[in-house]
Amino acid sequence: MYFRLLPLLAITLLTAGCDIADLMADPRVNQREADGRAIGAACRHAMRGIEDCYKLNERAPKTAVYEGWKEMDRYMRENKIEGIASKILSTPNSSEVMLSDSAAAGKKTGN
């Protein structure tokens, strides 16, 4: 009778120390979080505000971007590191592009 309970007891003891949720988790979720933190850190080092960072990286999870930005800010303050200004100009909004395209088309037609 005890032999029937022995495998059940062994499985219970083996899985008691495991975090099954981590074993079943999708690795893409962890990668996305890590990418978001890296984006936030890079934005802070490039002296961009968090709002600009959100706008430039809309697909990145905002909580991860914020955590990365905050960690880099703390690190830069502790080590007295100056940020490096971005040399890339910000891209125009899609509404600005549409307005300039329609204005250019009006000049070509003579309107």
PDB file of N, CA and C in Angstrom:
ATOM      1  N   MET A   1       0.824  -1.194   0.000  1.00  0.00           N
ATOM      2  CA  MET A   1       0.000   0.000   0.000  1.00  0.00           C
ATOM      3  C   MET A   1       0.864   1.253   0.000  1.00  0.00           C
ATOM      4  N   TYR A   2       1.939   1.273   0.735  1.00  0.00           N
ATOM      5  CA  TYR A   2       2.814   2.432   0.775  1.00  0.00           C
ATOM      6  C   TYR A   2       3.563   2.626  -0.537  1.00  0.00           C
ATOM      7  N   PHE A   3       3.724   1.541  -1.297  1.00  0.00           N
ATOM      8  CA  PHE A   3       4.422   1.632  -2.571  1.00  0.00           C
ATOM      9  C   PHE A   3       3.641   2.453  -3.593  1.00  0.00           C
ATOM     10  N   ARG A   4       2.343   2.499  -3.474  1.00  0.00           N
ATOM     11  CA  ARG A   4       1.516   3.299  -4.387  1.00  0.00           C
ATOM     12  C   ARG A   4       1.668   4.791  -4.100  1.00  0.00           C
ATOM     13  N   LEU A   5       1.888   5.149  -2.863  1.00  0.00           N
ATOM     14  CA  LEU A   5       2.020   6.551  -2.481  1.00  0.00           C
ATOM     15  C   LEU A   5       3.437   7.092  -2.689  1.00  0.00           C
ATOM     16  N   LEU A   6       4.401   6.196  -2.814  1.00  0.00           N
ATOM     17  CA  LEU A   6       5.789   6.600  -2.948  1.00  0.00           C
ATOM     18  C   LEU A   6       6.053   7.456  -4.201  1.00  0.00           C
ATOM     19  N   PRO A   7       5.573   7.082  -5.399  1.00  0.00           N
ATOM     20  CA  PRO A   7       5.791   7.960  -6.570  1.00  0.00           C
ATOM     21  C   PRO A   7       5.103   9.319  -6.416  1.00  0.00           C
ATOM     22  N   LEU A   8       3.925   9.339  -5.848  1.00  0.00           N
ATOM     23  CA  LEU A   8       3.221  10.600  -5.637  1.00  0.00           C
ATOM     24  C   LEU A   8       3.986  11.494  -4.667  1.00  0.00           C
ATOM     25  N   LEU A   9       4.528  10.913  -3.626  1.00  0.00           N
ATOM     26  CA  LEU A   9       5.322  11.661  -2.663  1.00  0.00           C
ATOM     27  C   LEU A   9       6.607  12.189  -3.307  1.00  0.00           C
ATOM     28  N   ALA A  10       7.242  11.370  -4.134  1.00  0.00           N
ATOM     29  CA  ALA A  10       8.479  11.783  -4.809  1.00  0.00           C
ATOM     30  C   ALA A  10       8.219  12.951  -5.760  1.00  0.00           C
ATOM     31  N   ILE A  11       7.156  12.886  -6.518  1.00  0.00           N
ATOM     32  CA  ILE A  11       6.813  13.975  -7.449  1.00  0.00           C
ATOM     33  C   ILE A  11       6.492  15.251  -6.689  1.00  0.00           C
ATOM     34  N   THR A  12       5.779  15.121  -5.598  1.00  0.00           N
ATOM     35  CA  THR A  12       5.434  16.287  -4.785  1.00  0.00           C
ATOM     36  C   THR A  12       6.679  16.955  -4.223  1.00  0.00           C
ATOM     37  N   LEU A  13       7.598  16.164  -3.729  1.00  0.00           N
ATOM     38  CA  LEU A  13       8.829  16.721  -3.162  1.00  0.00           C
ATOM     39  C   LEU A  13       9.717  17.345  -4.236  1.00  0.00           C
ATOM     40  N   LEU A  14       9.768  16.745  -5.411  1.00  0.00           N
ATOM     41  CA  LEU A  14      10.604  17.277  -6.490  1.00  0.00           C
ATOM     42  C   LEU A  14      10.072  18.607  -7.033  1.00  0.00           C
ATOM     43  N   THR A  15       8.762  18.715  -7.127  1.00  0.00           N
ATOM     44  CA  THR A  15       8.183  19.946  -7.669  1.00  0.00           C
ATOM     45  C   THR A  15       7.975  21.027  -6.627  1.00  0.00           C
ATOM     46  N   ALA A  16       8.153  20.721  -5.367  1.00  0.00           N
ATOM     47  CA  ALA A  16       7.943  21.719  -4.310  1.00  0.00           C
ATOM     48  C   ALA A  16       8.965  22.845  -4.401  1.00  0.00           C
ATOM     49  N   GLY A  17      10.179  22.549  -4.833  1.00  0.00           N
ATOM     50  CA  GLY A  17      11.213  23.570  -4.936  1.00  0.00           C
ATOM     51  C   GLY A  17      11.202  24.296  -6.256  1.00  0.00           C
ATOM     52  N   CYS A  18      10.400  23.880  -7.201  1.00  0.00           N
ATOM     53  CA  CYS A  18      10.374  24.494  -8.535  1.00  0.00           C
ATOM     54  C   CYS A  18       9.363  25.632  -8.585  1.00  0.00           C
ATOM     55  N   ASP A  19       9.674  26.577  -9.390  1.00  0.00           N
ATOM     56  CA  ASP A  19       8.715  27.634  -9.682  1.00  0.00           C
ATOM     57  C   ASP A  19       8.124  27.312 -11.049  1.00  0.00           C
ATOM     58  N   ILE A  20       7.017  26.634 -11.053  1.00  0.00           N
ATOM     59  CA  ILE A  20       6.429  26.131 -12.288  1.00  0.00           C
ATOM     60  C   ILE A  20       6.004  27.275 -13.192  1.00  0.00           C
ATOM     61  N   ALA A  21       5.621  28.391 -12.627  1.00  0.00           N
ATOM     62  CA  ALA A  21       5.212  29.528 -13.460  1.00  0.00           C
ATOM     63  C   ALA A  21       6.364  30.000 -14.345  1.00  0.00           C
ATOM     64  N   ASP A  22       7.599  29.985 -13.826  1.00  0.00           N
ATOM     65  CA  ASP A  22       8.748  30.385 -14.634  1.00  0.00           C
ATOM     66  C   ASP A  22       9.073  29.354 -15.702  1.00  0.00           C
ATOM     67  N   LEU A  23       8.815  28.100 -15.403  1.00  0.00           N
ATOM     68  CA  LEU A  23       9.072  27.063 -16.398  1.00  0.00           C
ATOM     69  C   LEU A  23       8.098  27.147 -17.560  1.00  0.00           C
ATOM     70  N   MET A  24       6.884  27.564 -17.295  1.00  0.00           N
ATOM     71  CA  MET A  24       5.855  27.620 -18.324  1.00  0.00           C
ATOM     72  C   MET A  24       5.771  28.997 -18.995  1.00  0.00           C
ATOM     73  N   ALA A  25       6.528  29.970 -18.509  1.00  0.00           N
ATOM     74  CA  ALA A  25       6.431  31.336 -19.027  1.00  0.00           C
ATOM     75  C   ALA A  25       7.006  31.427 -20.434  1.00  0.00           C
ATOM     76  N   ASP A  26       6.474  32.342 -21.200  1.00  0.00           N
ATOM     77  CA  ASP A  26       6.940  32.583 -22.557  1.00  0.00           C
ATOM     78  C   ASP A  26       8.228  33.405 -22.497  1.00  0.00           C
ATOM     79  N   PRO A  27       9.314  32.957 -23.092  1.00  0.00           N
ATOM     80  CA  PRO A  27      10.575  33.708 -23.011  1.00  0.00           C
ATOM     81  C   PRO A  27      10.517  35.049 -23.744  1.00  0.00           C
ATOM     82  N   ARG A  28       9.584  35.192 -24.664  1.00  0.00           N
ATOM     83  CA  ARG A  28       9.459  36.468 -25.382  1.00  0.00           C
ATOM     84  C   ARG A  28       9.012  37.596 -24.466  1.00  0.00           C
ATOM     85  N   VAL A  29       8.250  37.259 -23.436  1.00  0.00           N
ATOM     86  CA  VAL A  29       7.798  38.277 -22.482  1.00  0.00           C
ATOM     87  C   VAL A  29       8.999  38.830 -21.726  1.00  0.00           C
ATOM     88  N   ASN A  30       9.884  37.937 -21.265  1.00  0.00           N
ATOM     89  CA  ASN A  30      11.072  38.389 -20.553  1.00  0.00           C
ATOM     90  C   ASN A  30      11.978  39.201 -21.466  1.00  0.00           C
ATOM     91  N   GLN A  31      12.094  38.802 -22.720  1.00  0.00           N
ATOM     92  CA  GLN A  31      12.932  39.542 -23.668  1.00  0.00           C
ATOM     93  C   GLN A  31      12.359  40.925 -23.934  1.00  0.00           C
ATOM     94  N   ARG A  32      11.041  41.018 -24.021  1.00  0.00           N
ATOM     95  CA  ARG A  32      10.392  42.311 -24.249  1.00  0.00           C
ATOM     96  C   ARG A  32      10.616  43.261 -23.080  1.00  0.00           C
ATOM     97  N   GLU A  33      10.555  42.729 -21.871  1.00  0.00           N
ATOM     98  CA  GLU A  33      10.811  43.535 -20.684  1.00  0.00           C
ATOM     99  C   GLU A  33      12.265  44.021 -20.665  1.00  0.00           C
ATOM    100  N   ALA A  34      13.190  43.137 -20.990  1.00  0.00           N
ATOM    101  CA  ALA A  34      14.603  43.517 -21.016  1.00  0.00           C
ATOM    102  C   ALA A  34      14.862  44.567 -22.096  1.00  0.00           C
ATOM    103  N   ASP A  35      14.229  44.414 -23.248  1.00  0.00           N
ATOM    104  CA  ASP A  35      14.382  45.404 -24.313  1.00  0.00           C
ATOM    105  C   ASP A  35      13.821  46.759 -23.887  1.00  0.00           C
ATOM    106  N   GLY A  36      12.684  46.742 -23.202  1.00  0.00           N
ATOM    107  CA  GLY A  36      12.090  47.987 -22.721  1.00  0.00           C
ATOM    108  C   GLY A  36      12.993  48.705 -21.727  1.00  0.00           C
ATOM    109  N   ARG A  37      13.628  47.956 -20.849  1.00  0.00           N
ATOM    110  CA  ARG A  37      14.550  48.555 -19.885  1.00  0.00           C
ATOM    111  C   ARG A  37      15.761  49.145 -20.589  1.00  0.00           C
ATOM    112  N   ALA A  38      16.248  48.446 -21.606  1.00  0.00           N
ATOM    113  CA  ALA A  38      17.395  48.951 -22.362  1.00  0.00           C
ATOM    114  C   ALA A  38      17.025  50.218 -23.126  1.00  0.00           C
ATOM    115  N   ILE A  39      15.837  50.268 -23.666  1.00  0.00           N
ATOM    116  CA  ILE A  39      15.370  51.467 -24.377  1.00  0.00           C
ATOM    117  C   ILE A  39      15.296  52.645 -23.413  1.00  0.00           C
ATOM    118  N   GLY A  40      14.741  52.421 -22.237  1.00  0.00           N
ATOM    119  CA  GLY A  40      14.639  53.488 -21.237  1.00  0.00           C
ATOM    120  C   GLY A  40      16.005  53.998 -20.812  1.00  0.00           C
ATOM    121  N   ALA A  41      16.942  53.086 -20.606  1.00  0.00           N
ATOM    122  CA  ALA A  41      18.293  53.487 -20.212  1.00  0.00           C
ATOM    123  C   ALA A  41      18.971  54.285 -21.319  1.00  0.00           C
ATOM    124  N   ALA A  42      18.788  53.846 -22.554  1.00  0.00           N
ATOM    125  CA  ALA A  42      19.393  54.562 -23.678  1.00  0.00           C
ATOM    126  C   ALA A  42      18.785  55.954 -23.836  1.00  0.00           C
ATOM    127  N   CYS A  43      17.492  56.065 -23.621  1.00  0.00           N
ATOM    128  CA  CYS A  43      16.841  57.375 -23.708  1.00  0.00           C
ATOM    129  C   CYS A  43      17.384  58.322 -22.644  1.00  0.00           C
ATOM    130  N   ARG A  44      17.582  57.825 -21.445  1.00  0.00           N
ATOM    131  CA  ARG A  44      18.104  58.674 -20.377  1.00  0.00           C
ATOM    132  C   ARG A  44      19.526  59.104 -20.680  1.00  0.00           C
ATOM    133  N   HIS A  45      20.327  58.198 -21.212  1.00  0.00           N
ATOM    134  CA  HIS A  45      21.714  58.529 -21.529  1.00  0.00           C
ATOM    135  C   HIS A  45      21.773  59.524 -22.680  1.00  0.00           C
ATOM    136  N   ALA A  46      20.777  59.489 -23.553  1.00  0.00           N
ATOM    137  CA  ALA A  46      20.717  60.432 -24.672  1.00  0.00           C
ATOM    138  C   ALA A  46      20.031  61.733 -24.274  1.00  0.00           C
ATOM    139  N   MET A  47      19.795  61.919 -22.987  1.00  0.00           N
ATOM    140  CA  MET A  47      19.177  63.128 -22.424  1.00  0.00           C
ATOM    141  C   MET A  47      17.785  63.385 -22.997  1.00  0.00           C
ATOM    142  N   ARG A  48      17.032  62.331 -23.221  1.00  0.00           N
ATOM    143  CA  ARG A  48      15.647  62.473 -23.667  1.00  0.00           C
ATOM    144  C   ARG A  48      14.742  62.357 -22.459  1.00  0.00           C
ATOM    145  N   GLY A  49      13.657  63.096 -22.501  1.00  0.00           N
ATOM    146  CA  GLY A  49      12.658  62.995 -21.449  1.00  0.00           C
ATOM    147  C   GLY A  49      11.895  61.699 -21.585  1.00  0.00           C
ATOM    148  N   ILE A  50      11.276  61.250 -20.520  1.00  0.00           N
ATOM    149  CA  ILE A  50      10.559  59.981 -20.541  1.00  0.00           C
ATOM    150  C   ILE A  50       9.373  60.035 -21.499  1.00  0.00           C
ATOM    151  N   GLU A  51       8.739  61.197 -21.630  1.00  0.00           N
ATOM    152  CA  GLU A  51       7.610  61.324 -22.547  1.00  0.00           C
ATOM    153  C   GLU A  51       8.062  61.167 -23.992  1.00  0.00           C
ATOM    154  N   ASP A  52       9.219  61.746 -24.327  1.00  0.00           N
ATOM    155  CA  ASP A  52       9.758  61.592 -25.676  1.00  0.00           C
ATOM    156  C   ASP A  52      10.118  60.138 -25.946  1.00  0.00           C
ATOM    157  N   CYS A  53      10.624  59.496 -24.943  1.00  0.00           N
ATOM    158  CA  CYS A  53      11.001  58.091 -25.076  1.00  0.00           C
ATOM    159  C   CYS A  53       9.759  57.235 -25.344  1.00  0.00           C
ATOM    160  N   TYR A  54       8.683  57.514 -24.636  1.00  0.00           N
ATOM    161  CA  TYR A  54       7.435  56.789 -24.874  1.00  0.00           C
ATOM    162  C   TYR A  54       6.948  57.019 -26.302  1.00  0.00           C
ATOM    163  N   LYS A  55       7.028  58.250 -26.750  1.00  0.00           N
ATOM    164  CA  LYS A  55       6.531  58.592 -28.074  1.00  0.00           C
ATOM    165  C   LYS A  55       7.365  57.938 -29.181  1.00  0.00           C
ATOM    166  N   LEU A  56       8.663  57.870 -28.981  1.00  0.00           N
ATOM    167  CA  LEU A  56       9.538  57.278 -29.990  1.00  0.00           C
ATOM    168  C   LEU A  56       9.477  55.756 -29.994  1.00  0.00           C
ATOM    169  N   ASN A  57       9.070  55.157 -28.891  1.00  0.00           N
ATOM    170  CA  ASN A  57       9.035  53.697 -28.765  1.00  0.00           C
ATOM    171  C   ASN A  57       7.665  53.260 -28.274  1.00  0.00           C
ATOM    172  N   GLU A  58       6.671  53.410 -29.102  1.00  0.00           N
ATOM    173  CA  GLU A  58       5.301  53.147 -28.694  1.00  0.00           C
ATOM    174  C   GLU A  58       5.029  51.676 -28.418  1.00  0.00           C
ATOM    175  N   ARG A  59       5.761  50.779 -29.050  1.00  0.00           N
ATOM    176  CA  ARG A  59       5.500  49.352 -28.881  1.00  0.00           C
ATOM    177  C   ARG A  59       6.163  48.770 -27.634  1.00  0.00           C
ATOM    178  N   ALA A  60       7.099  49.479 -27.063  1.00  0.00           N
ATOM    179  CA  ALA A  60       7.794  48.986 -25.862  1.00  0.00           C
ATOM    180  C   ALA A  60       6.884  49.152 -24.645  1.00  0.00           C
ATOM    181  N   PRO A  61       6.944  48.211 -23.710  1.00  0.00           N
ATOM    182  CA  PRO A  61       6.119  48.336 -22.501  1.00  0.00           C
ATOM    183  C   PRO A  61       6.564  49.535 -21.656  1.00  0.00           C
ATOM    184  N   LYS A  62       5.619  50.389 -21.343  1.00  0.00           N
ATOM    185  CA  LYS A  62       5.940  51.648 -20.658  1.00  0.00           C
ATOM    186  C   LYS A  62       6.538  51.431 -19.276  1.00  0.00           C
ATOM    187  N   THR A  63       6.085  50.420 -18.569  1.00  0.00           N
ATOM    188  CA  THR A  63       6.638  50.191 -17.236  1.00  0.00           C
ATOM    189  C   THR A  63       8.109  49.805 -17.316  1.00  0.00           C
ATOM    190  N   ALA A  64       8.458  48.985 -18.294  1.00  0.00           N
ATOM    191  CA  ALA A  64       9.857  48.571 -18.446  1.00  0.00           C
ATOM    192  C   ALA A  64      10.721  49.742 -18.894  1.00  0.00           C
ATOM    193  N   VAL A  65      10.192  50.565 -19.796  1.00  0.00           N
ATOM    194  CA  VAL A  65      10.934  51.747 -20.248  1.00  0.00           C
ATOM    195  C   VAL A  65      11.185  52.682 -19.076  1.00  0.00           C
ATOM    196  N   TYR A  66      10.172  52.890 -18.260  1.00  0.00           N
ATOM    197  CA  TYR A  66      10.317  53.771 -17.097  1.00  0.00           C
ATOM    198  C   TYR A  66      11.342  53.217 -16.114  1.00  0.00           C
ATOM    199  N   GLU A  67      11.284  51.916 -15.847  1.00  0.00           N
ATOM    200  CA  GLU A  67      12.242  51.309 -14.916  1.00  0.00           C
ATOM    201  C   GLU A  67      13.672  51.466 -15.425  1.00  0.00           C
ATOM    202  N   GLY A  68      13.883  51.240 -16.716  1.00  0.00           N
ATOM    203  CA  GLY A  68      15.216  51.402 -17.296  1.00  0.00           C
ATOM    204  C   GLY A  68      15.684  52.846 -17.243  1.00  0.00           C
ATOM    205  N   TRP A  69      14.777  53.775 -17.513  1.00  0.00           N
ATOM    206  CA  TRP A  69      15.104  55.197 -17.486  1.00  0.00           C
ATOM    207  C   TRP A  69      15.496  55.604 -16.065  1.00  0.00           C
ATOM    208  N   LYS A  70      14.715  55.129 -15.098  1.00  0.00           N
ATOM    209  CA  LYS A  70      14.952  55.470 -13.697  1.00  0.00           C
ATOM    210  C   LYS A  70      16.274  54.875 -13.193  1.00  0.00           C
ATOM    211  N   GLU A  71      16.552  53.626 -13.553  1.00  0.00           N
ATOM    212  CA  GLU A  71      17.809  53.004 -13.138  1.00  0.00           C
ATOM    213  C   GLU A  71      19.010  53.749 -13.721  1.00  0.00           C
ATOM    214  N   MET A  72      18.921  54.117 -14.992  1.00  0.00           N
ATOM    215  CA  MET A  72      20.031  54.834 -15.626  1.00  0.00           C
ATOM    216  C   MET A  72      20.181  56.220 -15.016  1.00  0.00           C
ATOM    217  N   ASP A  73      19.085  56.863 -14.680  1.00  0.00           N
ATOM    218  CA  ASP A  73      19.153  58.173 -14.048  1.00  0.00           C
ATOM    219  C   ASP A  73      19.877  58.082 -12.706  1.00  0.00           C
ATOM    220  N   ARG A  74      19.522  57.082 -11.916  1.00  0.00           N
ATOM    221  CA  ARG A  74      20.174  56.880 -10.620  1.00  0.00           C
ATOM    222  C   ARG A  74      21.667  56.594 -10.811  1.00  0.00           C
ATOM    223  N   TYR A  75      21.991  55.742 -11.770  1.00  0.00           N
ATOM    224  CA  TYR A  75      23.382  55.383 -12.032  1.00  0.00           C
ATOM    225  C   TYR A  75      24.183  56.607 -12.486  1.00  0.00           C
ATOM    226  N   MET A  76      23.596  57.420 -13.358  1.00  0.00           N
ATOM    227  CA  MET A  76      24.300  58.603 -13.859  1.00  0.00           C
ATOM    228  C   MET A  76      24.503  59.633 -12.757  1.00  0.00           C
ATOM    229  N   ARG A  77      23.542  59.777 -11.873  1.00  0.00           N
ATOM    230  CA  ARG A  77      23.695  60.727 -10.758  1.00  0.00           C
ATOM    231  C   ARG A  77      24.755  60.268  -9.772  1.00  0.00           C
ATOM    232  N   GLU A  78      24.753  58.975  -9.453  1.00  0.00           N
ATOM    233  CA  GLU A  78      25.723  58.454  -8.496  1.00  0.00           C
ATOM    234  C   GLU A  78      27.156  58.560  -9.018  1.00  0.00           C
ATOM    235  N   ASN A  79      27.341  58.342 -10.302  1.00  0.00           N
ATOM    236  CA  ASN A  79      28.685  58.344 -10.884  1.00  0.00           C
ATOM    237  C   ASN A  79      29.034  59.647 -11.599  1.00  0.00           C
ATOM    238  N   LYS A  80      28.151  60.651 -11.464  1.00  0.00           N
ATOM    239  CA  LYS A  80      28.372  61.971 -12.056  1.00  0.00           C
ATOM    240  C   LYS A  80      28.698  61.872 -13.541  1.00  0.00           C
ATOM    241  N   ILE A  81      27.863  61.146 -14.264  1.00  0.00           N
ATOM    242  CA  ILE A  81      28.028  60.962 -15.712  1.00  0.00           C
ATOM    243  C   ILE A  81      27.109  61.935 -16.418  1.00  0.00           C
ATOM    244  N   GLU A  82      27.658  62.639 -17.381  1.00  0.00           N
ATOM    245  CA  GLU A  82      26.855  63.552 -18.197  1.00  0.00           C
ATOM    246  C   GLU A  82      26.253  62.773 -19.362  1.00  0.00           C
ATOM    247  N   GLY A  83      25.050  63.117 -19.731  1.00  0.00           N
ATOM    248  CA  GLY A  83      24.411  62.478 -20.869  1.00  0.00           C
ATOM    249  C   GLY A  83      25.001  62.968 -22.182  1.00  0.00           C
ATOM    250  N   ILE A  84      24.757  62.222 -23.222  1.00  0.00           N
ATOM    251  CA  ILE A  84      25.231  62.565 -24.552  1.00  0.00           C
ATOM    252  C   ILE A  84      24.024  62.952 -25.382  1.00  0.00           C
ATOM    253  N   ALA A  85      24.035  64.165 -25.902  1.00  0.00           N
ATOM    254  CA  ALA A  85      22.903  64.642 -26.692  1.00  0.00           C
ATOM    255  C   ALA A  85      22.799  63.849 -27.989  1.00  0.00           C
ATOM    256  N   SER A  86      21.578  63.543 -28.371  1.00  0.00           N
ATOM    257  CA  SER A  86      21.327  62.796 -29.586  1.00  0.00           C
ATOM    258  C   SER A  86      21.639  63.655 -30.801  1.00  0.00           C
ATOM    259  N   LYS A  87      22.290  63.080 -31.794  1.00  0.00           N
ATOM    260  CA  LYS A  87      22.617  63.808 -33.017  1.00  0.00           C
ATOM    261  C   LYS A  87      21.564  63.628 -34.085  1.00  0.00           C
ATOM    262  N   ILE A  88      20.614  62.743 -33.823  1.00  0.00           N
ATOM    263  CA  ILE A  88      19.532  62.503 -34.772  1.00  0.00           C
ATOM    264  C   ILE A  88      18.395  63.456 -34.443  1.00  0.00           C
ATOM    265  N   LEU A  89      17.938  64.172 -35.443  1.00  0.00           N
ATOM    266  CA  LEU A  89      16.808  65.069 -35.235  1.00  0.00           C
ATOM    267  C   LEU A  89      15.545  64.241 -35.097  1.00  0.00           C
ATOM    268  N   SER A  90      14.596  64.758 -34.364  1.00  0.00           N
ATOM    269  CA  SER A  90      13.348  64.023 -34.201  1.00  0.00           C
ATOM    270  C   SER A  90      12.609  63.978 -35.529  1.00  0.00           C
ATOM    271  N   THR A  91      11.893  62.892 -35.741  1.00  0.00           N
ATOM    272  CA  THR A  91      11.142  62.734 -36.976  1.00  0.00           C
ATOM    273  C   THR A  91       9.871  63.565 -36.897  1.00  0.00           C
ATOM    274  N   PRO A  92       9.437  64.141 -38.003  1.00  0.00           N
ATOM    275  CA  PRO A  92       8.212  64.941 -37.977  1.00  0.00           C
ATOM    276  C   PRO A  92       6.995  64.053 -37.762  1.00  0.00           C
ATOM    277  N   ASN A  93       5.958  64.642 -37.196  1.00  0.00           N
ATOM    278  CA  ASN A  93       4.709  63.917 -37.006  1.00  0.00           C
ATOM    279  C   ASN A  93       4.089  63.607 -38.346  1.00  0.00           C
ATOM    280  N   SER A  94       3.255  62.587 -38.390  1.00  0.00           N
ATOM    281  CA  SER A  94       2.626  62.204 -39.655  1.00  0.00           C
ATOM    282  C   SER A  94       1.709  63.311 -40.170  1.00  0.00           C
ATOM    283  N   SER A  95       1.092  64.092 -39.285  1.00  0.00           N
ATOM    284  CA  SER A  95       0.220  65.183 -39.736  1.00  0.00           C
ATOM    285  C   SER A  95       1.041  66.275 -40.404  1.00  0.00           C
ATOM    286  N   GLU A  96       2.259  66.527 -39.899  1.00  0.00           N
ATOM    287  CA  GLU A  96       3.120  67.529 -40.526  1.00  0.00           C
ATOM    288  C   GLU A  96       3.560  67.072 -41.905  1.00  0.00           C
ATOM    289  N   VAL A  97       3.839  65.797 -42.056  1.00  0.00           N
ATOM    290  CA  VAL A  97       4.252  65.261 -43.351  1.00  0.00           C
ATOM    291  C   VAL A  97       3.112  65.372 -44.340  1.00  0.00           C
ATOM    292  N   MET A  98       1.902  65.062 -43.889  1.00  0.00           N
ATOM    293  CA  MET A  98       0.746  65.130 -44.786  1.00  0.00           C
ATOM    294  C   MET A  98       0.498  66.561 -45.226  1.00  0.00           C
ATOM    295  N   LEU A  99       0.640  67.527 -44.310  1.00  0.00           N
ATOM    296  CA  LEU A  99       0.430  68.921 -44.675  1.00  0.00           C
ATOM    297  C   LEU A  99       1.484  69.403 -45.659  1.00  0.00           C
ATOM    298  N   SER A 100       2.725  69.039 -45.445  1.00  0.00           N
ATOM    299  CA  SER A 100       3.773  69.492 -46.354  1.00  0.00           C
ATOM    300  C   SER A 100       3.646  68.813 -47.710  1.00  0.00           C
ATOM    301  N   ASP A 101       3.198  67.560 -47.757  1.00  0.00           N
ATOM    302  CA  ASP A 101       3.005  66.877 -49.034  1.00  0.00           C
ATOM    303  C   ASP A 101       1.864  67.514 -49.825  1.00  0.00           C
ATOM    304  N   SER A 102       0.779  67.887 -49.151  1.00  0.00           N
ATOM    305  CA  SER A 102      -0.347  68.495 -49.856  1.00  0.00           C
ATOM    306  C   SER A 102       0.019  69.906 -50.321  1.00  0.00           C
ATOM    307  N   ALA A 103       0.846  70.608 -49.560  1.00  0.00           N
ATOM    308  CA  ALA A 103       1.286  71.940 -49.977  1.00  0.00           C
ATOM    309  C   ALA A 103       2.195  71.835 -51.199  1.00  0.00           C
ATOM    310  N   ALA A 104       3.043  70.835 -51.229  1.00  0.00           N
ATOM    311  CA  ALA A 104       3.942  70.646 -52.373  1.00  0.00           C
ATOM    312  C   ALA A 104       3.127  70.255 -53.615  1.00  0.00           C
ATOM    313  N   ALA A 105       2.094  69.462 -53.441  1.00  0.00           N
ATOM    314  CA  ALA A 105       1.261  69.063 -54.573  1.00  0.00           C
ATOM    315  C   ALA A 105       0.487  70.263 -55.108  1.00  0.00           C
ATOM    316  N   GLY A 106       0.063  71.179 -54.232  1.00  0.00           N
ATOM    317  CA  GLY A 106      -0.648  72.376 -54.663  1.00  0.00           C
ATOM    318  C   GLY A 106       0.254  73.300 -55.478  1.00  0.00           C
ATOM    319  N   LYS A 107       1.537  73.385 -55.153  1.00  0.00           N
ATOM    320  CA  LYS A 107       2.482  74.211 -55.901  1.00  0.00           C
ATOM    321  C   LYS A 107       2.725  73.645 -57.285  1.00  0.00           C
ATOM    322  N   LYS A 108       2.740  72.322 -57.420  1.00  0.00           N
ATOM    323  CA  LYS A 108       3.004  71.693 -58.707  1.00  0.00           C
ATOM    324  C   LYS A 108       1.860  71.920 -59.674  1.00  0.00           C
ATOM    325  N   THR A 109       0.620  71.898 -59.180  1.00  0.00           N
ATOM    326  CA  THR A 109      -0.538  72.054 -60.028  1.00  0.00           C
ATOM    327  C   THR A 109      -0.860  73.526 -60.274  1.00  0.00           C
ATOM    328  N   GLY A 110      -0.214  74.403 -59.563  1.00  0.00           N
ATOM    329  CA  GLY A 110      -0.443  75.831 -59.757  1.00  0.00           C
ATOM    330  C   GLY A 110      -1.591  76.364 -58.954  1.00  0.00           C
ATOM    331  N   ASN A 111      -2.113  75.625 -58.001  1.00  0.00           N
ATOM    332  CA  ASN A 111      -3.241  76.076 -57.169  1.00  0.00           C
ATOM    333  C   ASN A 111      -2.794  76.929 -56.051  1.00  0.00           C
TER     334      ASN A 111
END
